[in-house]
Amino acid sequence: ECAEALLAGADTRAVLRRFVPFIPQTTIVVDRLDLVQ
C-alpha cells in the first residue's frame, strides 16, 4: 500500500508516517548524499 501510494503521487510524509512503525532495525548507508539538492 505504501509503495503504491508513493507511485501514485501521495504525500511522501503521510506515506512514511504509516510505514515508520514497521521498520525493522536497519542501518541505512546513503552513498553520494552530496547529489541531493
PDB file of all heavy atoms in Angstrom:
ATOM      1  N   GLU A   1       0.830  -1.205   0.000  1.00  0.00           N
ATOM      2  CA  GLU A   1       0.000   0.000   0.000  1.00  0.00           C
ATOM      3  C   GLU A   1       0.867   1.259   0.000  1.00  0.00           C
ATOM      4  O   GLU A   1       0.610   2.204  -0.742  1.00  0.00           O
ATOM      5  CB  GLU A   1      -0.905  -0.014   1.234  1.00  0.00           C
ATOM      6  CG  GLU A   1      -1.803   1.177   1.350  1.00  0.00           C
ATOM      7  CD  GLU A   1      -2.603   1.163   2.640  1.00  0.00           C
ATOM      8  OE1 GLU A   1      -2.892   0.058   3.164  1.00  0.00           O
ATOM      9  OE2 GLU A   1      -2.943   2.253   3.130  1.00  0.00           O
ATOM     10  N   CYS A   2       1.919   1.269   0.826  1.00  0.00           N
ATOM     11  CA  CYS A   2       2.811   2.431   0.883  1.00  0.00           C
ATOM     12  C   CYS A   2       3.540   2.640  -0.440  1.00  0.00           C
ATOM     13  O   CYS A   2       3.626   3.763  -0.938  1.00  0.00           O
ATOM     14  CB  CYS A   2       3.816   2.276   2.026  1.00  0.00           C
ATOM     15  SG  CYS A   2       3.088   2.410   3.664  1.00  0.00           S
ATOM     16  N   ALA A   3       4.047   1.566  -1.025  1.00  0.00           N
ATOM     17  CA  ALA A   3       4.754   1.673  -2.302  1.00  0.00           C
ATOM     18  C   ALA A   3       3.827   2.179  -3.395  1.00  0.00           C
ATOM     19  O   ALA A   3       4.191   3.057  -4.184  1.00  0.00           O
ATOM     20  CB  ALA A   3       5.357   0.325  -2.684  1.00  0.00           C
ATOM     21  N   GLU A   4       2.616   1.651  -3.439  1.00  0.00           N
ATOM     22  CA  GLU A   4       1.649   2.083  -4.457  1.00  0.00           C
ATOM     23  C   GLU A   4       1.260   3.543  -4.255  1.00  0.00           C
ATOM     24  O   GLU A   4       1.097   4.292  -5.224  1.00  0.00           O
ATOM     25  CB  GLU A   4       0.413   1.187  -4.417  1.00  0.00           C
ATOM     26  CG  GLU A   4       0.699  -0.203  -4.956  1.00  0.00           C
ATOM     27  CD  GLU A   4      -0.419  -1.193  -4.671  1.00  0.00           C
ATOM     28  OE1 GLU A   4      -1.549  -0.760  -4.331  1.00  0.00           O
ATOM     29  OE2 GLU A   4      -0.158  -2.403  -4.788  1.00  0.00           O
ATOM     30  N   ALA A   5       1.113   3.969  -2.990  1.00  0.00           N
ATOM     31  CA  ALA A   5       0.772   5.365  -2.713  1.00  0.00           C
ATOM     32  C   ALA A   5       1.871   6.303  -3.200  1.00  0.00           C
ATOM     33  O   ALA A   5       1.592   7.353  -3.786  1.00  0.00           O
ATOM     34  CB  ALA A   5       0.516   5.559  -1.220  1.00  0.00           C
ATOM     35  N   LEU A   6       3.134   5.914  -2.974  1.00  0.00           N
ATOM     36  CA  LEU A   6       4.244   6.739  -3.470  1.00  0.00           C
ATOM     37  C   LEU A   6       4.222   6.826  -4.985  1.00  0.00           C
ATOM     38  O   LEU A   6       4.404   7.896  -5.566  1.00  0.00           O
ATOM     39  CB  LEU A   6       5.591   6.181  -2.994  1.00  0.00           C
ATOM     40  CG  LEU A   6       5.966   6.441  -1.552  1.00  0.00           C
ATOM     41  CD1 LEU A   6       7.229   5.688  -1.191  1.00  0.00           C
ATOM     42  CD2 LEU A   6       6.140   7.930  -1.296  1.00  0.00           C
ATOM     43  N   LEU A   7       4.007   5.693  -5.625  1.00  0.00           N
ATOM     44  CA  LEU A   7       3.968   5.679  -7.086  1.00  0.00           C
ATOM     45  C   LEU A   7       2.803   6.497  -7.628  1.00  0.00           C
ATOM     46  O   LEU A   7       2.886   7.068  -8.710  1.00  0.00           O
ATOM     47  CB  LEU A   7       3.895   4.241  -7.606  1.00  0.00           C
ATOM     48  CG  LEU A   7       5.161   3.416  -7.377  1.00  0.00           C
ATOM     49  CD1 LEU A   7       4.915   1.951  -7.722  1.00  0.00           C
ATOM     50  CD2 LEU A   7       6.317   3.966  -8.188  1.00  0.00           C
ATOM     51  N   ALA A   8       1.722   6.577  -6.856  1.00  0.00           N
ATOM     52  CA  ALA A   8       0.547   7.336  -7.288  1.00  0.00           C
ATOM     53  C   ALA A   8       0.672   8.822  -6.969  1.00  0.00           C
ATOM     54  O   ALA A   8      -0.199   9.613  -7.327  1.00  0.00           O
ATOM     55  CB  ALA A   8      -0.705   6.762  -6.624  1.00  0.00           C
ATOM     56  N   GLY A   9       1.746   9.208  -6.284  1.00  0.00           N
ATOM     57  CA  GLY A   9       1.975  10.619  -6.005  1.00  0.00           C
ATOM     58  C   GLY A   9       1.424  11.101  -4.675  1.00  0.00           C
ATOM     59  O   GLY A   9       1.264  12.302  -4.474  1.00  0.00           O
ATOM     60  N   ALA A  10       1.147  10.203  -3.750  1.00  0.00           N
ATOM     61  CA  ALA A  10       0.645  10.598  -2.427  1.00  0.00           C
ATOM     62  C   ALA A  10       1.706  11.413  -1.683  1.00  0.00           C
ATOM     63  O   ALA A  10       2.893  11.355  -2.010  1.00  0.00           O
ATOM     64  CB  ALA A  10       0.276   9.360  -1.609  1.00  0.00           C
ATOM     65  N   ASP A  11       1.267  12.157  -0.676  1.00  0.00           N
ATOM     66  CA  ASP A  11       2.174  12.943   0.142  1.00  0.00           C
ATOM     67  C   ASP A  11       3.227  12.029   0.778  1.00  0.00           C
ATOM     68  O   ASP A  11       2.888  11.075   1.481  1.00  0.00           O
ATOM     69  CB  ASP A  11       1.387  13.669   1.237  1.00  0.00           C
ATOM     70  CG  ASP A  11       2.301  14.432   2.175  1.00  0.00           C
ATOM     71  OD1 ASP A  11       2.958  15.389   1.716  1.00  0.00           O
ATOM     72  OD2 ASP A  11       2.380  14.041   3.354  1.00  0.00           O
ATOM     73  N   THR A  12       4.481  12.301   0.506  1.00  0.00           N
ATOM     74  CA  THR A  12       5.575  11.449   0.958  1.00  0.00           C
ATOM     75  C   THR A  12       5.578  11.279   2.471  1.00  0.00           C
ATOM     76  O   THR A  12       5.709  10.172   2.989  1.00  0.00           O
ATOM     77  CB  THR A  12       6.922  12.030   0.486  1.00  0.00           C
ATOM     78  OG1 THR A  12       6.888  12.180  -0.922  1.00  0.00           O
ATOM     79  CG2 THR A  12       8.078  11.131   0.875  1.00  0.00           C
ATOM     80  N   ARG A  13       5.434  12.371   3.217  1.00  0.00           N
ATOM     81  CA  ARG A  13       5.486  12.286   4.674  1.00  0.00           C
ATOM     82  C   ARG A  13       4.315  11.461   5.223  1.00  0.00           C
ATOM     83  O   ARG A  13       4.473  10.707   6.174  1.00  0.00           O
ATOM     84  CB  ARG A  13       5.483  13.692   5.268  1.00  0.00           C
ATOM     85  CG  ARG A  13       5.805  13.775   6.736  1.00  0.00           C
ATOM     86  CD  ARG A  13       7.232  13.344   7.095  1.00  0.00           C
ATOM     87  NE  ARG A  13       8.276  14.086   6.480  1.00  0.00           N
ATOM     88  CZ  ARG A  13       8.814  15.206   6.940  1.00  0.00           C
ATOM     89  NH1 ARG A  13       8.378  15.742   8.048  1.00  0.00           N
ATOM     90  NH2 ARG A  13       9.780  15.807   6.295  1.00  0.00           N
ATOM     91  N   ALA A  14       3.144  11.582   4.606  1.00  0.00           N
ATOM     92  CA  ALA A  14       1.988  10.785   5.054  1.00  0.00           C
ATOM     93  C   ALA A  14       2.258   9.293   4.859  1.00  0.00           C
ATOM     94  O   ALA A  14       1.934   8.464   5.710  1.00  0.00           O
ATOM     95  CB  ALA A  14       0.728  11.209   4.306  1.00  0.00           C
ATOM     96  N   VAL A  15       2.877   8.952   3.738  1.00  0.00           N
ATOM     97  CA  VAL A  15       3.205   7.553   3.468  1.00  0.00           C
ATOM     98  C   VAL A  15       4.243   7.066   4.467  1.00  0.00           C
ATOM     99  O   VAL A  15       4.112   5.981   5.050  1.00  0.00           O
ATOM    100  CB  VAL A  15       3.707   7.377   2.012  1.00  0.00           C
ATOM    101  CG1 VAL A  15       4.221   5.970   1.775  1.00  0.00           C
ATOM    102  CG2 VAL A  15       2.592   7.718   1.022  1.00  0.00           C
ATOM    103  N   LEU A  16       5.281   7.859   4.706  1.00  0.00           N
ATOM    104  CA  LEU A  16       6.310   7.481   5.673  1.00  0.00           C
ATOM    105  C   LEU A  16       5.723   7.313   7.070  1.00  0.00           C
ATOM    106  O   LEU A  16       6.102   6.404   7.811  1.00  0.00           O
ATOM    107  CB  LEU A  16       7.432   8.519   5.692  1.00  0.00           C
ATOM    108  CG  LEU A  16       8.288   8.601   4.430  1.00  0.00           C
ATOM    109  CD1 LEU A  16       9.243   9.775   4.523  1.00  0.00           C
ATOM    110  CD2 LEU A  16       9.032   7.307   4.179  1.00  0.00           C
ATOM    111  N   ARG A  17       4.787   8.183   7.424  1.00  0.00           N
ATOM    112  CA  ARG A  17       4.154   8.107   8.749  1.00  0.00           C
ATOM    113  C   ARG A  17       3.493   6.744   8.955  1.00  0.00           C
ATOM    114  O   ARG A  17       3.544   6.168  10.027  1.00  0.00           O
ATOM    115  CB  ARG A  17       3.137   9.232   8.887  1.00  0.00           C
ATOM    116  CG  ARG A  17       2.649   9.450  10.298  1.00  0.00           C
ATOM    117  CD  ARG A  17       1.794  10.707  10.420  1.00  0.00           C
ATOM    118  NE  ARG A  17       2.630  11.892  10.260  1.00  0.00           N
ATOM    119  CZ  ARG A  17       2.512  12.788   9.269  1.00  0.00           C
ATOM    120  NH1 ARG A  17       1.589  12.634   8.350  1.00  0.00           N
ATOM    121  NH2 ARG A  17       3.316  13.814   9.197  1.00  0.00           N
ATOM    122  N   ARG A  18       2.903   6.209   7.900  1.00  0.00           N
ATOM    123  CA  ARG A  18       2.249   4.899   8.003  1.00  0.00           C
ATOM    124  C   ARG A  18       3.273   3.770   8.072  1.00  0.00           C
ATOM    125  O   ARG A  18       3.030   2.744   8.687  1.00  0.00           O
ATOM    126  CB  ARG A  18       1.351   4.663   6.794  1.00  0.00           C
ATOM    127  CG  ARG A  18       0.162   5.585   6.828  1.00  0.00           C
ATOM    128  CD  ARG A  18      -1.061   5.036   6.245  1.00  0.00           C
ATOM    129  NE  ARG A  18      -1.339   3.675   6.658  1.00  0.00           N
ATOM    130  CZ  ARG A  18      -2.203   2.900   6.053  1.00  0.00           C
ATOM    131  NH1 ARG A  18      -2.871   3.352   5.040  1.00  0.00           N
ATOM    132  NH2 ARG A  18      -2.416   1.672   6.453  1.00  0.00           N
ATOM    133  N   PHE A  19       4.416   3.945   7.416  1.00  0.00           N
ATOM    134  CA  PHE A  19       5.399   2.872   7.310  1.00  0.00           C
ATOM    135  C   PHE A  19       6.369   2.804   8.484  1.00  0.00           C
ATOM    136  O   PHE A  19       6.765   1.725   8.917  1.00  0.00           O
ATOM    137  CB  PHE A  19       6.172   3.029   5.997  1.00  0.00           C
ATOM    138  CG  PHE A  19       7.301   2.057   5.841  1.00  0.00           C
ATOM    139  CD1 PHE A  19       7.067   0.703   5.757  1.00  0.00           C
ATOM    140  CD2 PHE A  19       8.604   2.503   5.803  1.00  0.00           C
ATOM    141  CE1 PHE A  19       8.100  -0.205   5.631  1.00  0.00           C
ATOM    142  CE2 PHE A  19       9.660   1.613   5.676  1.00  0.00           C
ATOM    143  CZ  PHE A  19       9.400   0.254   5.589  1.00  0.00           C
ATOM    144  N   VAL A  20       6.752   3.944   9.037  1.00  0.00           N
ATOM    145  CA  VAL A  20       7.800   4.011  10.059  1.00  0.00           C
ATOM    146  C   VAL A  20       7.620   3.008  11.205  1.00  0.00           C
ATOM    147  O   VAL A  20       8.586   2.364  11.611  1.00  0.00           O
ATOM    148  CB  VAL A  20       7.955   5.460  10.584  1.00  0.00           C
ATOM    149  CG1 VAL A  20       8.692   5.515  11.907  1.00  0.00           C
ATOM    150  CG2 VAL A  20       8.690   6.302   9.553  1.00  0.00           C
ATOM    151  N   PRO A  21       6.417   2.821  11.741  1.00  0.00           N
ATOM    152  CA  PRO A  21       6.294   1.882  12.874  1.00  0.00           C
ATOM    153  C   PRO A  21       6.680   0.439  12.540  1.00  0.00           C
ATOM    154  O   PRO A  21       6.907  -0.354  13.444  1.00  0.00           O
ATOM    155  CB  PRO A  21       4.807   1.967  13.242  1.00  0.00           C
ATOM    156  CG  PRO A  21       4.351   3.272  12.702  1.00  0.00           C
ATOM    157  CD  PRO A  21       5.156   3.508  11.467  1.00  0.00           C
ATOM    158  N   PHE A  22       6.772   0.107  11.269  1.00  0.00           N
ATOM    159  CA  PHE A  22       7.037  -1.272  10.872  1.00  0.00           C
ATOM    160  C   PHE A  22       8.463  -1.506  10.385  1.00  0.00           C
ATOM    161  O   PHE A  22       8.786  -2.582   9.912  1.00  0.00           O
ATOM    162  CB  PHE A  22       6.045  -1.701   9.785  1.00  0.00           C
ATOM    163  CG  PHE A  22       4.628  -1.607  10.255  1.00  0.00           C
ATOM    164  CD1 PHE A  22       3.869  -0.487   9.980  1.00  0.00           C
ATOM    165  CD2 PHE A  22       4.076  -2.626  11.014  1.00  0.00           C
ATOM    166  CE1 PHE A  22       2.565  -0.386  10.433  1.00  0.00           C
ATOM    167  CE2 PHE A  22       2.776  -2.538  11.470  1.00  0.00           C
ATOM    168  CZ  PHE A  22       2.014  -1.414  11.186  1.00  0.00           C
ATOM    169  N   ILE A  23       9.325  -0.497  10.489  1.00  0.00           N
ATOM    170  CA  ILE A  23      10.699  -0.634  10.018  1.00  0.00           C
ATOM    171  C   ILE A  23      11.492  -1.474  11.018  1.00  0.00           C
ATOM    172  O   ILE A  23      11.577  -1.128  12.192  1.00  0.00           O
ATOM    173  CB  ILE A  23      11.377   0.737   9.835  1.00  0.00           C
ATOM    174  CG1 ILE A  23      10.651   1.543   8.762  1.00  0.00           C
ATOM    175  CG2 ILE A  23      12.851   0.582   9.479  1.00  0.00           C
ATOM    176  CD1 ILE A  23      11.166   2.961   8.604  1.00  0.00           C
ATOM    177  N   PRO A  24      12.060  -2.591  10.564  1.00  0.00           N
ATOM    178  CA  PRO A  24      12.907  -3.368  11.469  1.00  0.00           C
ATOM    179  C   PRO A  24      14.227  -2.623  11.691  1.00  0.00           C
ATOM    180  O   PRO A  24      14.524  -1.653  10.998  1.00  0.00           O
ATOM    181  CB  PRO A  24      13.133  -4.674  10.705  1.00  0.00           C
ATOM    182  CG  PRO A  24      13.015  -4.281   9.270  1.00  0.00           C
ATOM    183  CD  PRO A  24      12.008  -3.155   9.223  1.00  0.00           C
ATOM    184  N   GLN A  25      15.028  -3.096  12.634  1.00  0.00           N
ATOM    185  CA  GLN A  25      16.315  -2.451  12.876  1.00  0.00           C
ATOM    186  C   GLN A  25      17.129  -2.498  11.588  1.00  0.00           C
ATOM    187  O   GLN A  25      17.461  -3.567  11.086  1.00  0.00           O
ATOM    188  CB  GLN A  25      17.066  -3.140  13.998  1.00  0.00           C
ATOM    189  CG  GLN A  25      18.364  -2.446  14.327  1.00  0.00           C
ATOM    190  CD  GLN A  25      19.053  -3.067  15.525  1.00  0.00           C
ATOM    191  OE1 GLN A  25      18.500  -3.890  16.221  1.00  0.00           O
ATOM    192  NE2 GLN A  25      20.278  -2.666  15.747  1.00  0.00           N
ATOM    193  N   THR A  26      17.408  -1.323  11.047  1.00  0.00           N
ATOM    194  CA  THR A  26      18.085  -1.213   9.757  1.00  0.00           C
ATOM    195  C   THR A  26      19.099  -0.085   9.815  1.00  0.00           C
ATOM    196  O   THR A  26      18.793   1.001  10.281  1.00  0.00           O
ATOM    197  CB  THR A  26      17.071  -0.911   8.630  1.00  0.00           C
ATOM    198  OG1 THR A  26      16.072  -1.924   8.606  1.00  0.00           O
ATOM    199  CG2 THR A  26      17.752  -0.837   7.270  1.00  0.00           C
ATOM    200  N   THR A  27      20.302  -0.354   9.346  1.00  0.00           N
ATOM    201  CA  THR A  27      21.296   0.690   9.160  1.00  0.00           C
ATOM    202  C   THR A  27      21.260   1.056   7.687  1.00  0.00           C
ATOM    203  O   THR A  27      21.396   0.190   6.824  1.00  0.00           O
ATOM    204  CB  THR A  27      22.703   0.199   9.546  1.00  0.00           C
ATOM    205  OG1 THR A  27      22.681  -0.197  10.918  1.00  0.00           O
ATOM    206  CG2 THR A  27      23.741   1.289   9.336  1.00  0.00           C
ATOM    207  N   ILE A  28      21.052   2.327   7.408  1.00  0.00           N
ATOM    208  CA  ILE A  28      20.972   2.783   6.020  1.00  0.00           C
ATOM    209  C   ILE A  28      22.245   3.540   5.688  1.00  0.00           C
ATOM    210  O   ILE A  28      22.610   4.499   6.365  1.00  0.00           O
ATOM    211  CB  ILE A  28      19.749   3.688   5.797  1.00  0.00           C
ATOM    212  CG1 ILE A  28      18.464   2.940   6.152  1.00  0.00           C
ATOM    213  CG2 ILE A  28      19.714   4.182   4.349  1.00  0.00           C
ATOM    214  CD1 ILE A  28      17.216   3.789   6.112  1.00  0.00           C
ATOM    215  N   VAL A  29      22.929   3.075   4.662  1.00  0.00           N
ATOM    216  CA  VAL A  29      24.116   3.758   4.149  1.00  0.00           C
ATOM    217  C   VAL A  29      23.683   4.491   2.891  1.00  0.00           C
ATOM    218  O   VAL A  29      23.192   3.880   1.944  1.00  0.00           O
ATOM    219  CB  VAL A  29      25.240   2.750   3.805  1.00  0.00           C
ATOM    220  CG1 VAL A  29      26.435   3.485   3.203  1.00  0.00           C
ATOM    221  CG2 VAL A  29      25.642   1.946   5.032  1.00  0.00           C
ATOM    222  N   VAL A  30      23.821   5.806   2.899  1.00  0.00           N
ATOM    223  CA  VAL A  30      23.478   6.608   1.722  1.00  0.00           C
ATOM    224  C   VAL A  30      24.781   7.095   1.119  1.00  0.00           C
ATOM    225  O   VAL A  30      25.451   7.965   1.665  1.00  0.00           O
ATOM    226  CB  VAL A  30      22.554   7.795   2.083  1.00  0.00           C
ATOM    227  CG1 VAL A  30      22.183   8.572   0.830  1.00  0.00           C
ATOM    228  CG2 VAL A  30      21.298   7.306   2.802  1.00  0.00           C
ATOM    229  N   ASP A  31      25.135   6.495   0.003  1.00  0.00           N
ATOM    230  CA  ASP A  31      26.369   6.835  -0.702  1.00  0.00           C
ATOM    231  C   ASP A  31      26.047   7.922  -1.729  1.00  0.00           C
ATOM    232  O   ASP A  31      25.056   7.835  -2.431  1.00  0.00           O
ATOM    233  CB  ASP A  31      26.904   5.579  -1.394  1.00  0.00           C
ATOM    234  CG  ASP A  31      28.349   5.705  -1.827  1.00  0.00           C
ATOM    235  OD1 ASP A  31      29.015   6.692  -1.463  1.00  0.00           O
ATOM    236  OD2 ASP A  31      28.819   4.800  -2.536  1.00  0.00           O
ATOM    237  N   ARG A  32      26.885   8.949  -1.796  1.00  0.00           N
ATOM    238  CA  ARG A  32      26.736  10.077  -2.722  1.00  0.00           C
ATOM    239  C   ARG A  32      25.623  11.030  -2.294  1.00  0.00           C
ATOM    240  O   ARG A  32      24.904  11.585  -3.109  1.00  0.00           O
ATOM    241  CB  ARG A  32      26.499   9.602  -4.153  1.00  0.00           C
ATOM    242  CG  ARG A  32      27.500   8.643  -4.733  1.00  0.00           C
ATOM    243  CD  ARG A  32      28.737   9.243  -5.386  1.00  0.00           C
ATOM    244  NE  ARG A  32      28.671  10.550  -5.949  1.00  0.00           N
ATOM    245  CZ  ARG A  32      28.509  10.840  -7.238  1.00  0.00           C
ATOM    246  NH1 ARG A  32      28.355   9.893  -8.119  1.00  0.00           N
ATOM    247  NH2 ARG A  32      28.512  12.088  -7.654  1.00  0.00           N
ATOM    248  N   LEU A  33      25.480  11.236  -0.993  1.00  0.00           N
ATOM    249  CA  LEU A  33      24.476  12.161  -0.475  1.00  0.00           C
ATOM    250  C   LEU A  33      24.696  13.575  -1.001  1.00  0.00           C
ATOM    251  O   LEU A  33      23.768  14.376  -1.047  1.00  0.00           O
ATOM    252  CB  LEU A  33      24.501  12.148   1.065  1.00  0.00           C
ATOM    253  CG  LEU A  33      23.402  12.927   1.773  1.00  0.00           C
ATOM    254  CD1 LEU A  33      22.037  12.328   1.466  1.00  0.00           C
ATOM    255  CD2 LEU A  33      23.638  12.954   3.270  1.00  0.00           C
ATOM    256  N   ASP A  34      25.912  13.869  -1.435  1.00  0.00           N
ATOM    257  CA  ASP A  34      26.212  15.189  -1.975  1.00  0.00           C
ATOM    258  C   ASP A  34      25.363  15.523  -3.199  1.00  0.00           C
ATOM    259  O   ASP A  34      25.212  16.686  -3.564  1.00  0.00           O
ATOM    260  CB  ASP A  34      27.700  15.291  -2.325  1.00  0.00           C
ATOM    261  CG  ASP A  34      28.136  14.251  -3.341  1.00  0.00           C
ATOM    262  OD1 ASP A  34      28.004  13.043  -3.040  1.00  0.00           O
ATOM    263  OD2 ASP A  34      28.610  14.635  -4.421  1.00  0.00           O
ATOM    264  N   LEU A  35      24.768  14.508  -3.841  1.00  0.00           N
ATOM    265  CA  LEU A  35      23.934  14.754  -5.013  1.00  0.00           C
ATOM    266  C   LEU A  35      22.547  15.284  -4.665  1.00  0.00           C
ATOM    267  O   LEU A  35      21.845  15.801  -5.530  1.00  0.00           O
ATOM    268  CB  LEU A  35      23.770  13.464  -5.830  1.00  0.00           C
ATOM    269  CG  LEU A  35      25.024  12.924  -6.490  1.00  0.00           C
ATOM    270  CD1 LEU A  35      24.726  11.598  -7.174  1.00  0.00           C
ATOM    271  CD2 LEU A  35      25.572  13.935  -7.492  1.00  0.00           C
ATOM    272  N   VAL A  36      22.155  15.168  -3.410  1.00  0.00           N
ATOM    273  CA  VAL A  36      20.811  15.588  -3.014  1.00  0.00           C
ATOM    274  C   VAL A  36      20.734  17.111  -3.003  1.00  0.00           C
ATOM    275  O   VAL A  36      21.480  17.774  -2.294  1.00  0.00           O
ATOM    276  CB  VAL A  36      20.426  15.017  -1.638  1.00  0.00           C
ATOM    277  CG1 VAL A  36      19.101  15.598  -1.156  1.00  0.00           C
ATOM    278  CG2 VAL A  36      20.364  13.504  -1.697  1.00  0.00           C
ATOM    279  N   GLN A  37      19.815  17.634  -3.793  1.00  0.00           N
ATOM    280  CA  GLN A  37      19.578  19.067  -3.852  1.00  0.00           C
ATOM    281  C   GLN A  37      18.218  19.424  -3.251  1.00  0.00           C
ATOM    282  O   GLN A  37      17.822  20.574  -3.255  1.00  0.00           O
ATOM    283  CB  GLN A  37      19.634  19.544  -5.316  1.00  0.00           C
ATOM    284  CG  GLN A  37      20.953  19.271  -5.992  1.00  0.00           C
ATOM    285  CD  GLN A  37      22.077  20.063  -5.377  1.00  0.00           C
ATOM    286  OE1 GLN A  37      21.942  21.238  -5.092  1.00  0.00           O
ATOM    287  NE2 GLN A  37      23.201  19.402  -5.133  1.00  0.00           N
TER     288      GLN A  37
END
